[in-house]
Amino acid sequence: DVKVNLTESSFELEGFGHHSSVRKRYVVNVRLFGDVLPQESSWSAASVGRLTAMLQKAAPGTKWSRLTKEKGGSKHQLTSWLDMQERWAE
């Protein structure tokens, strides 16, 4: 089971997975760079522990220099954000 809580300023996820026959609890709490509209955003879970989130910015047309409010690297895997950022930069 996966639980997601999306607010105007954060994306929180809690879920359980199995690795080497051991059940593990995973928690992600990301403070977003800017505000989003939770009611217009969505997420979906897929196989192999993959989750996709589509976040609708509260101020359309604004560019975020990064996904997270904090500067520096994130301990969470955010490869899709980086892929999309490069694609939109073209």
PDB file of N, CA and C in Angstrom:
ATOM      1  N   ASP A   1       0.825  -1.194   0.000  1.00  0.00           N
ATOM      2  CA  ASP A   1       0.000   0.000   0.000  1.00  0.00           C
ATOM      3  C   ASP A   1       0.867   1.254   0.000  1.00  0.00           C
ATOM      4  N   VAL A   2       0.403   2.249  -0.732  1.00  0.00           N
ATOM      5  CA  VAL A   2       1.102   3.525  -0.821  1.00  0.00           C
ATOM      6  C   VAL A   2       0.145   4.622  -0.378  1.00  0.00           C
ATOM      7  N   LYS A   3       0.628   5.495   0.497  1.00  0.00           N
ATOM      8  CA  LYS A   3      -0.147   6.653   0.921  1.00  0.00           C
ATOM      9  C   LYS A   3       0.592   7.896   0.460  1.00  0.00           C
ATOM     10  N   VAL A   4      -0.146   8.802  -0.185  1.00  0.00           N
ATOM     11  CA  VAL A   4       0.439  10.047  -0.668  1.00  0.00           C
ATOM     12  C   VAL A   4      -0.349  11.203  -0.084  1.00  0.00           C
ATOM     13  N   ASN A   5       0.363  12.198   0.417  1.00  0.00           N
ATOM     14  CA  ASN A   5      -0.248  13.422   0.905  1.00  0.00           C
ATOM     15  C   ASN A   5       0.408  14.575   0.160  1.00  0.00           C
ATOM     16  N   LEU A   6      -0.393  15.279  -0.634  1.00  0.00           N
ATOM     17  CA  LEU A   6       0.107  16.393  -1.410  1.00  0.00           C
ATOM     18  C   LEU A   6      -0.545  17.666  -0.898  1.00  0.00           C
ATOM     19  N   THR A   7       0.288  18.610  -0.445  1.00  0.00           N
ATOM     20  CA  THR A   7      -0.207  19.912   0.001  1.00  0.00           C
ATOM     21  C   THR A   7       0.297  20.967  -0.970  1.00  0.00           C
ATOM     22  N   GLU A   8      -0.017  22.230  -0.716  1.00  0.00           N
ATOM     23  CA  GLU A   8       0.451  23.305  -1.584  1.00  0.00           C
ATOM     24  C   GLU A   8       1.970  23.386  -1.632  1.00  0.00           C
ATOM     25  N   SER A   9       2.650  22.924  -0.579  1.00  0.00           N
ATOM     26  CA  SER A   9       4.099  23.112  -0.510  1.00  0.00           C
ATOM     27  C   SER A   9       4.909  21.837  -0.309  1.00  0.00           C
ATOM     28  N   SER A  10       4.257  20.676  -0.249  1.00  0.00           N
ATOM     29  CA  SER A  10       5.031  19.449  -0.026  1.00  0.00           C
ATOM     30  C   SER A  10       4.388  18.229  -0.663  1.00  0.00           C
ATOM     31  N   PHE A  11       5.233  17.239  -0.908  1.00  0.00           N
ATOM     32  CA  PHE A  11       4.809  15.931  -1.425  1.00  0.00           C
ATOM     33  C   PHE A  11       5.320  14.899  -0.435  1.00  0.00           C
ATOM     34  N   GLU A  12       4.399  14.157   0.183  1.00  0.00           N
ATOM     35  CA  GLU A  12       4.767  13.151   1.183  1.00  0.00           C
ATOM     36  C   GLU A  12       4.267  11.794   0.727  1.00  0.00           C
ATOM     37  N   LEU A  13       5.112  10.781   0.894  1.00  0.00           N
ATOM     38  CA  LEU A  13       4.777   9.432   0.487  1.00  0.00           C
ATOM     39  C   LEU A  13       5.196   8.461   1.576  1.00  0.00           C
ATOM     40  N   GLU A  14       4.365   7.472   1.826  1.00  0.00           N
ATOM     41  CA  GLU A  14       4.712   6.392   2.747  1.00  0.00           C
ATOM     42  C   GLU A  14       4.240   5.096   2.120  1.00  0.00           C
ATOM     43  N   GLY A  15       5.102   4.098   2.117  1.00  0.00           N
ATOM     44  CA  GLY A  15       4.733   2.818   1.539  1.00  0.00           C
ATOM     45  C   GLY A  15       5.608   1.709   2.068  1.00  0.00           C
ATOM     46  N   PHE A  16       5.200   0.494   1.774  1.00  0.00           N
ATOM     47  CA  PHE A  16       5.952  -0.684   2.196  1.00  0.00           C
ATOM     48  C   PHE A  16       6.369  -1.469   0.968  1.00  0.00           C
ATOM     49  N   GLY A  17       7.543  -2.052   1.044  1.00  0.00           N
ATOM     50  CA  GLY A  17       8.049  -2.878  -0.039  1.00  0.00           C
ATOM     51  C   GLY A  17       8.833  -4.050   0.528  1.00  0.00           C
ATOM     52  N   HIS A  18       9.106  -5.019  -0.319  1.00  0.00           N
ATOM     53  CA  HIS A  18       9.877  -6.192   0.090  1.00  0.00           C
ATOM     54  C   HIS A  18      11.200  -6.196  -0.657  1.00  0.00           C
ATOM     55  N   HIS A  19      12.248  -6.454   0.068  1.00  0.00           N
ATOM     56  CA  HIS A  19      13.571  -6.556  -0.523  1.00  0.00           C
ATOM     57  C   HIS A  19      14.287  -7.701   0.176  1.00  0.00           C
ATOM     58  N   SER A  20      14.696  -8.706  -0.594  1.00  0.00           N
ATOM     59  CA  SER A  20      15.367  -9.892  -0.053  1.00  0.00           C
ATOM     60  C   SER A  20      14.538 -10.514   1.069  1.00  0.00           C
ATOM     61  N   SER A  21      13.233 -10.653   0.835  1.00  0.00           N
ATOM     62  CA  SER A  21      12.285 -11.258   1.777  1.00  0.00           C
ATOM     63  C   SER A  21      12.125 -10.481   3.076  1.00  0.00           C
ATOM     64  N   VAL A  22      12.542  -9.223   3.083  1.00  0.00           N
ATOM     65  CA  VAL A  22      12.389  -8.367   4.257  1.00  0.00           C
ATOM     66  C   VAL A  22      11.436  -7.230   3.893  1.00  0.00           C
ATOM     67  N   ARG A  23      10.419  -7.032   4.716  1.00  0.00           N
ATOM     68  CA  ARG A  23       9.465  -5.947   4.480  1.00  0.00           C
ATOM     69  C   ARG A  23      10.069  -4.653   5.011  1.00  0.00           C
ATOM     70  N   LYS A  24      10.092  -3.618   4.161  1.00  0.00           N
ATOM     71  CA  LYS A  24      10.672  -2.340   4.553  1.00  0.00           C
ATOM     72  C   LYS A  24       9.641  -1.230   4.394  1.00  0.00           C
ATOM     73  N   ARG A  25       9.736  -0.246   5.268  1.00  0.00           N
ATOM     74  CA  ARG A  25       8.873   0.936   5.204  1.00  0.00           C
ATOM     75  C   ARG A  25       9.677   2.065   4.561  1.00  0.00           C
ATOM     76  N   TYR A  26       9.089   2.713   3.577  1.00  0.00           N
ATOM     77  CA  TYR A  26       9.732   3.818   2.876  1.00  0.00           C
ATOM     78  C   TYR A  26       8.935   5.088   3.122  1.00  0.00           C
ATOM     79  N   VAL A  27       9.636   6.173   3.415  1.00  0.00           N
ATOM     80  CA  VAL A  27       9.006   7.471   3.662  1.00  0.00           C
ATOM     81  C   VAL A  27       9.766   8.527   2.876  1.00  0.00           C
ATOM     82  N   VAL A  28       9.011   9.355   2.141  1.00  0.00           N
ATOM     83  CA  VAL A  28       9.588  10.451   1.380  1.00  0.00           C
ATOM     84  C   VAL A  28       8.818  11.712   1.753  1.00  0.00           C
ATOM     85  N   ASN A  29       9.541  12.778   2.074  1.00  0.00           N
ATOM     86  CA  ASN A  29       8.915  14.056   2.373  1.00  0.00           C
ATOM     87  C   ASN A  29       9.717  15.128   1.641  1.00  0.00           C
ATOM     88  N   VAL A  30       9.122  15.678   0.582  1.00  0.00           N
ATOM     89  CA  VAL A  30       9.806  16.657  -0.248  1.00  0.00           C
ATOM     90  C   VAL A  30       9.107  18.003  -0.111  1.00  0.00           C
ATOM     91  N   ARG A  31       9.845  18.993   0.354  1.00  0.00           N
ATOM     92  CA  ARG A  31       9.325  20.374   0.375  1.00  0.00           C
ATOM     93  C   ARG A  31       9.556  20.955  -1.009  1.00  0.00           C
ATOM     94  N   LEU A  32       8.492  21.371  -1.669  1.00  0.00           N
ATOM     95  CA  LEU A  32       8.566  21.815  -3.057  1.00  0.00           C
ATOM     96  C   LEU A  32       9.101  23.233  -3.179  1.00  0.00           C
ATOM     97  N   PHE A  33       9.760  23.509  -4.290  1.00  0.00           N
ATOM     98  CA  PHE A  33      10.359  24.820  -4.549  1.00  0.00           C
ATOM     99  C   PHE A  33       9.306  25.925  -4.550  1.00  0.00           C
ATOM    100  N   GLY A  34       8.153  25.644  -5.135  1.00  0.00           N
ATOM    101  CA  GLY A  34       7.056  26.611  -5.194  1.00  0.00           C
ATOM    102  C   GLY A  34       5.745  25.916  -4.862  1.00  0.00           C
ATOM    103  N   ASP A  35       4.679  26.689  -4.836  1.00  0.00           N
ATOM    104  CA  ASP A  35       3.371  26.128  -4.510  1.00  0.00           C
ATOM    105  C   ASP A  35       2.765  25.402  -5.704  1.00  0.00           C
ATOM    106  N   VAL A  36       1.964  24.364  -5.389  1.00  0.00           N
ATOM    107  CA  VAL A  36       1.220  23.613  -6.391  1.00  0.00           C
ATOM    108  C   VAL A  36      -0.254  23.609  -6.019  1.00  0.00           C
ATOM    109  N   LEU A  37      -1.073  23.166  -6.945  1.00  0.00           N
ATOM    110  CA  LEU A  37      -2.507  23.017  -6.717  1.00  0.00           C
ATOM    111  C   LEU A  37      -2.805  21.534  -6.511  1.00  0.00           C
ATOM    112  N   PRO A  38      -2.946  21.085  -5.262  1.00  0.00           N
ATOM    113  CA  PRO A  38      -3.150  19.656  -4.998  1.00  0.00           C
ATOM    114  C   PRO A  38      -4.356  19.065  -5.715  1.00  0.00           C
ATOM    115  N   GLN A  39      -5.458  19.824  -5.801  1.00  0.00           N
ATOM    116  CA  GLN A  39      -6.676  19.302  -6.409  1.00  0.00           C
ATOM    117  C   GLN A  39      -6.544  19.125  -7.923  1.00  0.00           C
ATOM    118  N   GLU A  40      -5.563  19.771  -8.534  1.00  0.00           N
ATOM    119  CA  GLU A  40      -5.328  19.641  -9.972  1.00  0.00           C
ATOM    120  C   GLU A  40      -4.088  18.803 -10.279  1.00  0.00           C
ATOM    121  N   SER A  41      -3.476  18.244  -9.258  1.00  0.00           N
ATOM    122  CA  SER A  41      -2.304  17.392  -9.418  1.00  0.00           C
ATOM    123  C   SER A  41      -2.736  15.936  -9.267  1.00  0.00           C
ATOM    124  N   SER A  42      -1.881  15.022  -9.712  1.00  0.00           N
ATOM    125  CA  SER A  42      -2.236  13.603  -9.626  1.00  0.00           C
ATOM    126  C   SER A  42      -0.979  12.754  -9.438  1.00  0.00           C
ATOM    127  N   TRP A  43      -1.194  11.497  -9.069  1.00  0.00           N
ATOM    128  CA  TRP A  43      -0.095  10.546  -8.947  1.00  0.00           C
ATOM    129  C   TRP A  43      -0.636   9.156  -9.245  1.00  0.00           C
ATOM    130  N   SER A  44       0.256   8.263  -9.631  1.00  0.00           N
ATOM    131  CA  SER A  44      -0.125   6.868  -9.865  1.00  0.00           C
ATOM    132  C   SER A  44       1.058   5.968  -9.527  1.00  0.00           C
ATOM    133  N   ALA A  45       0.739   4.816  -8.978  1.00  0.00           N
ATOM    134  CA  ALA A  45       1.759   3.830  -8.623  1.00  0.00           C
ATOM    135  C   ALA A  45       1.792   2.758  -9.717  1.00  0.00           C
ATOM    136  N   ALA A  46       2.989   2.282 -10.017  1.00  0.00           N
ATOM    137  CA  ALA A  46       3.172   1.233 -11.010  1.00  0.00           C
ATOM    138  C   ALA A  46       3.946   0.088 -10.370  1.00  0.00           C
ATOM    139  N   SER A  47       4.322  -0.862 -11.169  1.00  0.00           N
ATOM    140  CA  SER A  47       5.044  -2.018 -10.643  1.00  0.00           C
ATOM    141  C   SER A  47       6.466  -1.649 -10.230  1.00  0.00           C
ATOM    142  N   VAL A  48       7.100  -2.523  -9.523  1.00  0.00           N
ATOM    143  CA  VAL A  48       8.493  -2.431  -9.104  1.00  0.00           C
ATOM    144  C   VAL A  48       8.770  -1.162  -8.291  1.00  0.00           C
ATOM    145  N   GLY A  49       7.803  -0.702  -7.519  1.00  0.00           N
ATOM    146  CA  GLY A  49       8.025   0.430  -6.641  1.00  0.00           C
ATOM    147  C   GLY A  49       8.125   1.774  -7.338  1.00  0.00           C
ATOM    148  N   ARG A  50       7.618   1.878  -8.547  1.00  0.00           N
ATOM    149  CA  ARG A  50       7.710   3.128  -9.294  1.00  0.00           C
ATOM    150  C   ARG A  50       6.440   3.958  -9.078  1.00  0.00           C
ATOM    151  N   LEU A  51       6.625   5.259  -8.889  1.00  0.00           N
ATOM    152  CA  LEU A  51       5.511   6.176  -8.715  1.00  0.00           C
ATOM    153  C   LEU A  51       5.739   7.390  -9.604  1.00  0.00           C
ATOM    154  N   THR A  52       4.676   7.834 -10.261  1.00  0.00           N
ATOM    155  CA  THR A  52       4.748   9.021 -11.109  1.00  0.00           C
ATOM    156  C   THR A  52       3.802  10.070 -10.549  1.00  0.00           C
ATOM    157  N   ALA A  53       4.278  11.297 -10.420  1.00  0.00           N
ATOM    158  CA  ALA A  53       3.452  12.400  -9.933  1.00  0.00           C
ATOM    159  C   ALA A  53       3.460  13.518 -10.962  1.00  0.00           C
ATOM    160  N   MET A  54       2.285  14.069 -11.222  1.00  0.00           N
ATOM    161  CA  MET A  54       2.134  15.235 -12.091  1.00  0.00           C
ATOM    162  C   MET A  54       1.662  16.375 -11.197  1.00  0.00           C
ATOM    163  N   LEU A  55       2.503  17.383 -11.022  1.00  0.00           N
ATOM    164  CA  LEU A  55       2.205  18.495 -10.121  1.00  0.00           C
ATOM    165  C   LEU A  55       1.835  19.730 -10.931  1.00  0.00           C
ATOM    166  N   GLN A  56       0.681  20.303 -10.623  1.00  0.00           N
ATOM    167  CA  GLN A  56       0.231  21.522 -11.297  1.00  0.00           C
ATOM    168  C   GLN A  56       0.691  22.728 -10.488  1.00  0.00           C
ATOM    169  N   LYS A  57       1.529  23.557 -11.087  1.00  0.00           N
ATOM    170  CA  LYS A  57       2.021  24.751 -10.398  1.00  0.00           C
ATOM    171  C   LYS A  57       0.875  25.711 -10.107  1.00  0.00           C
ATOM    172  N   ALA A  58       0.944  26.372  -8.963  1.00  0.00           N
ATOM    173  CA  ALA A  58      -0.056  27.380  -8.602  1.00  0.00           C
ATOM    174  C   ALA A  58       0.085  28.618  -9.479  1.00  0.00           C
ATOM    175  N   ALA A  59       1.301  28.899  -9.933  1.00  0.00           N
ATOM    176  CA  ALA A  59       1.565  30.045 -10.814  1.00  0.00           C
ATOM    177  C   ALA A  59       2.072  29.508 -12.151  1.00  0.00           C
ATOM    178  N   PRO A  60       1.167  29.179 -13.075  1.00  0.00           N
ATOM    179  CA  PRO A  60       1.588  28.633 -14.368  1.00  0.00           C
ATOM    180  C   PRO A  60       2.535  29.585 -15.095  1.00  0.00           C
ATOM    181  N   GLY A  61       3.463  29.001 -15.825  1.00  0.00           N
ATOM    182  CA  GLY A  61       4.406  29.806 -16.593  1.00  0.00           C
ATOM    183  C   GLY A  61       5.663  30.189 -15.843  1.00  0.00           C
ATOM    184  N   THR A  62       5.677  29.994 -14.520  1.00  0.00           N
ATOM    185  CA  THR A  62       6.898  30.300 -13.765  1.00  0.00           C
ATOM    186  C   THR A  62       7.858  29.130 -13.872  1.00  0.00           C
ATOM    187  N   LYS A  63       9.145  29.431 -13.906  1.00  0.00           N
ATOM    188  CA  LYS A  63      10.162  28.385 -13.954  1.00  0.00           C
ATOM    189  C   LYS A  63      10.713  28.153 -12.560  1.00  0.00           C
ATOM    190  N   TRP A  64      10.848  26.902 -12.217  1.00  0.00           N
ATOM    191  CA  TRP A  64      11.505  26.524 -10.967  1.00  0.00           C
ATOM    192  C   TRP A  64      12.929  26.134 -11.315  1.00  0.00           C
ATOM    193  N   SER A  65      13.881  26.609 -10.563  1.00  0.00           N
ATOM    194  CA  SER A  65      15.278  26.239 -10.813  1.00  0.00           C
ATOM    195  C   SER A  65      15.577  24.823 -10.331  1.00  0.00           C
ATOM    196  N   ARG A  66      14.705  24.294  -9.482  1.00  0.00           N
ATOM    197  CA  ARG A  66      14.840  22.927  -8.980  1.00  0.00           C
ATOM    198  C   ARG A  66      13.475  22.493  -8.439  1.00  0.00           C
ATOM    199  N   LEU A  67      13.340  21.238  -8.126  1.00  0.00           N
ATOM    200  CA  LEU A  67      12.075  20.707  -7.609  1.00  0.00           C
ATOM    201  C   LEU A  67      11.900  20.979  -6.124  1.00  0.00           C
ATOM    202  N   THR A  68      12.989  20.928  -5.378  1.00  0.00           N
ATOM    203  CA  THR A  68      12.911  21.038  -3.920  1.00  0.00           C
ATOM    204  C   THR A  68      13.251  22.439  -3.423  1.00  0.00           C
ATOM    205  N   LYS A  69      12.688  22.788  -2.284  1.00  0.00           N
ATOM    206  CA  LYS A  69      12.968  24.089  -1.676  1.00  0.00           C
ATOM    207  C   LYS A  69      14.428  24.175  -1.230  1.00  0.00           C
ATOM    208  N   GLU A  70      14.955  23.067  -0.733  1.00  0.00           N
ATOM    209  CA  GLU A  70      16.328  23.042  -0.239  1.00  0.00           C
ATOM    210  C   GLU A  70      17.313  23.028  -1.398  1.00  0.00           C
ATOM    211  N   LYS A  71      18.399  23.752  -1.242  1.00  0.00           N
ATOM    212  CA  LYS A  71      19.475  23.710  -2.229  1.00  0.00           C
ATOM    213  C   LYS A  71      20.291  22.450  -2.000  1.00  0.00           C
ATOM    214  N   GLY A  72      20.966  22.021  -3.033  1.00  0.00           N
ATOM    215  CA  GLY A  72      21.813  20.840  -2.909  1.00  0.00           C
ATOM    216  C   GLY A  72      21.090  19.597  -3.363  1.00  0.00           C
ATOM    217  N   GLY A  73      21.780  18.486  -3.311  1.00  0.00           N
ATOM    218  CA  GLY A  73      21.233  17.221  -3.764  1.00  0.00           C
ATOM    219  C   GLY A  73      20.141  16.688  -2.860  1.00  0.00           C
ATOM    220  N   SER A  74      19.337  15.834  -3.419  1.00  0.00           N
ATOM    221  CA  SER A  74      18.260  15.188  -2.668  1.00  0.00           C
ATOM    222  C   SER A  74      18.625  13.734  -2.454  1.00  0.00           C
ATOM    223  N   LYS A  75      18.224  13.188  -1.320  1.00  0.00           N
ATOM    224  CA  LYS A  75      18.479  11.774  -1.073  1.00  0.00           C
ATOM    225  C   LYS A  75      17.463  10.901  -1.786  1.00  0.00           C
ATOM    226  N   HIS A  76      16.424  11.523  -2.370  1.00  0.00           N
ATOM    227  CA  HIS A  76      15.399  10.788  -3.079  1.00  0.00           C
ATOM    228  C   HIS A  76      15.727  10.760  -4.564  1.00  0.00           C
ATOM    229  N   GLN A  77      15.294   9.713  -5.235  1.00  0.00           N
ATOM    230  CA  GLN A  77      15.563   9.582  -6.659  1.00  0.00           C
ATOM    231  C   GLN A  77      14.600  10.473  -7.441  1.00  0.00           C
ATOM    232  N   LEU A  78      15.131  11.485  -8.078  1.00  0.00           N
ATOM    233  CA  LEU A  78      14.312  12.453  -8.804  1.00  0.00           C
ATOM    234  C   LEU A  78      14.750  12.533 -10.263  1.00  0.00           C
ATOM    235  N   THR A  79      15.053  11.380 -10.865  1.00  0.00           N
ATOM    236  CA  THR A  79      15.593  11.388 -12.221  1.00  0.00           C
ATOM    237  C   THR A  79      14.604  11.908 -13.238  1.00  0.00           C
ATOM    238  N   SER A  80      13.339  11.616 -13.079  1.00  0.00           N
ATOM    239  CA  SER A  80      12.357  12.069 -14.063  1.00  0.00           C
ATOM    240  C   SER A  80      12.280  13.586 -14.083  1.00  0.00           C
ATOM    241  N   TRP A  81      12.373  14.218 -12.903  1.00  0.00           N
ATOM    242  CA  TRP A  81      12.360  15.684 -12.841  1.00  0.00           C
ATOM    243  C   TRP A  81      13.494  16.231 -13.691  1.00  0.00           C
ATOM    244  N   LEU A  82      14.668  15.648 -13.550  1.00  0.00           N
ATOM    245  CA  LEU A  82      15.816  16.118 -14.312  1.00  0.00           C
ATOM    246  C   LEU A  82      15.629  15.876 -15.800  1.00  0.00           C
ATOM    247  N   ASP A  83      15.054  14.720 -16.169  1.00  0.00           N
ATOM    248  CA  ASP A  83      14.793  14.425 -17.580  1.00  0.00           C
ATOM    249  C   ASP A  83      13.829  15.436 -18.191  1.00  0.00           C
ATOM    250  N   MET A  84      12.752  15.729 -17.477  1.00  0.00           N
ATOM    251  CA  MET A  84      11.749  16.669 -17.979  1.00  0.00           C
ATOM    252  C   MET A  84      12.316  18.084 -18.041  1.00  0.00           C
ATOM    253  N   GLN A  85      13.132  18.450 -17.073  1.00  0.00           N
ATOM    254  CA  GLN A  85      13.734  19.789 -17.057  1.00  0.00           C
ATOM    255  C   GLN A  85      14.586  19.984 -18.311  1.00  0.00           C
ATOM    256  N   GLU A  86      15.360  18.961 -18.683  1.00  0.00           N
ATOM    257  CA  GLU A  86      16.193  19.058 -19.879  1.00  0.00           C
ATOM    258  C   GLU A  86      15.329  19.138 -21.132  1.00  0.00           C
ATOM    259  N   ARG A  87      14.262  18.358 -21.189  1.00  0.00           N
ATOM    260  CA  ARG A  87      13.397  18.343 -22.356  1.00  0.00           C
ATOM    261  C   ARG A  87      12.713  19.695 -22.563  1.00  0.00           C
ATOM    262  N   TRP A  88      12.235  20.299 -21.473  1.00  0.00           N
ATOM    263  CA  TRP A  88      11.538  21.574 -21.574  1.00  0.00           C
ATOM    264  C   TRP A  88      12.488  22.734 -21.853  1.00  0.00           C
ATOM    265  N   ALA A  89      13.765  22.551 -21.574  1.00  0.00           N
ATOM    266  CA  ALA A  89      14.745  23.617 -21.794  1.00  0.00           C
ATOM    267  C   ALA A  89      15.022  23.816 -23.285  1.00  0.00           C
ATOM    268  N   GLU A  90      14.701  22.806 -24.100  1.00  0.00           N
ATOM    269  CA  GLU A  90      14.990  22.883 -25.555  1.00  0.00           C
ATOM    270  C   GLU A  90      14.072  23.830 -26.273  1.00  0.00           C
TER     271      GLU A  90
END
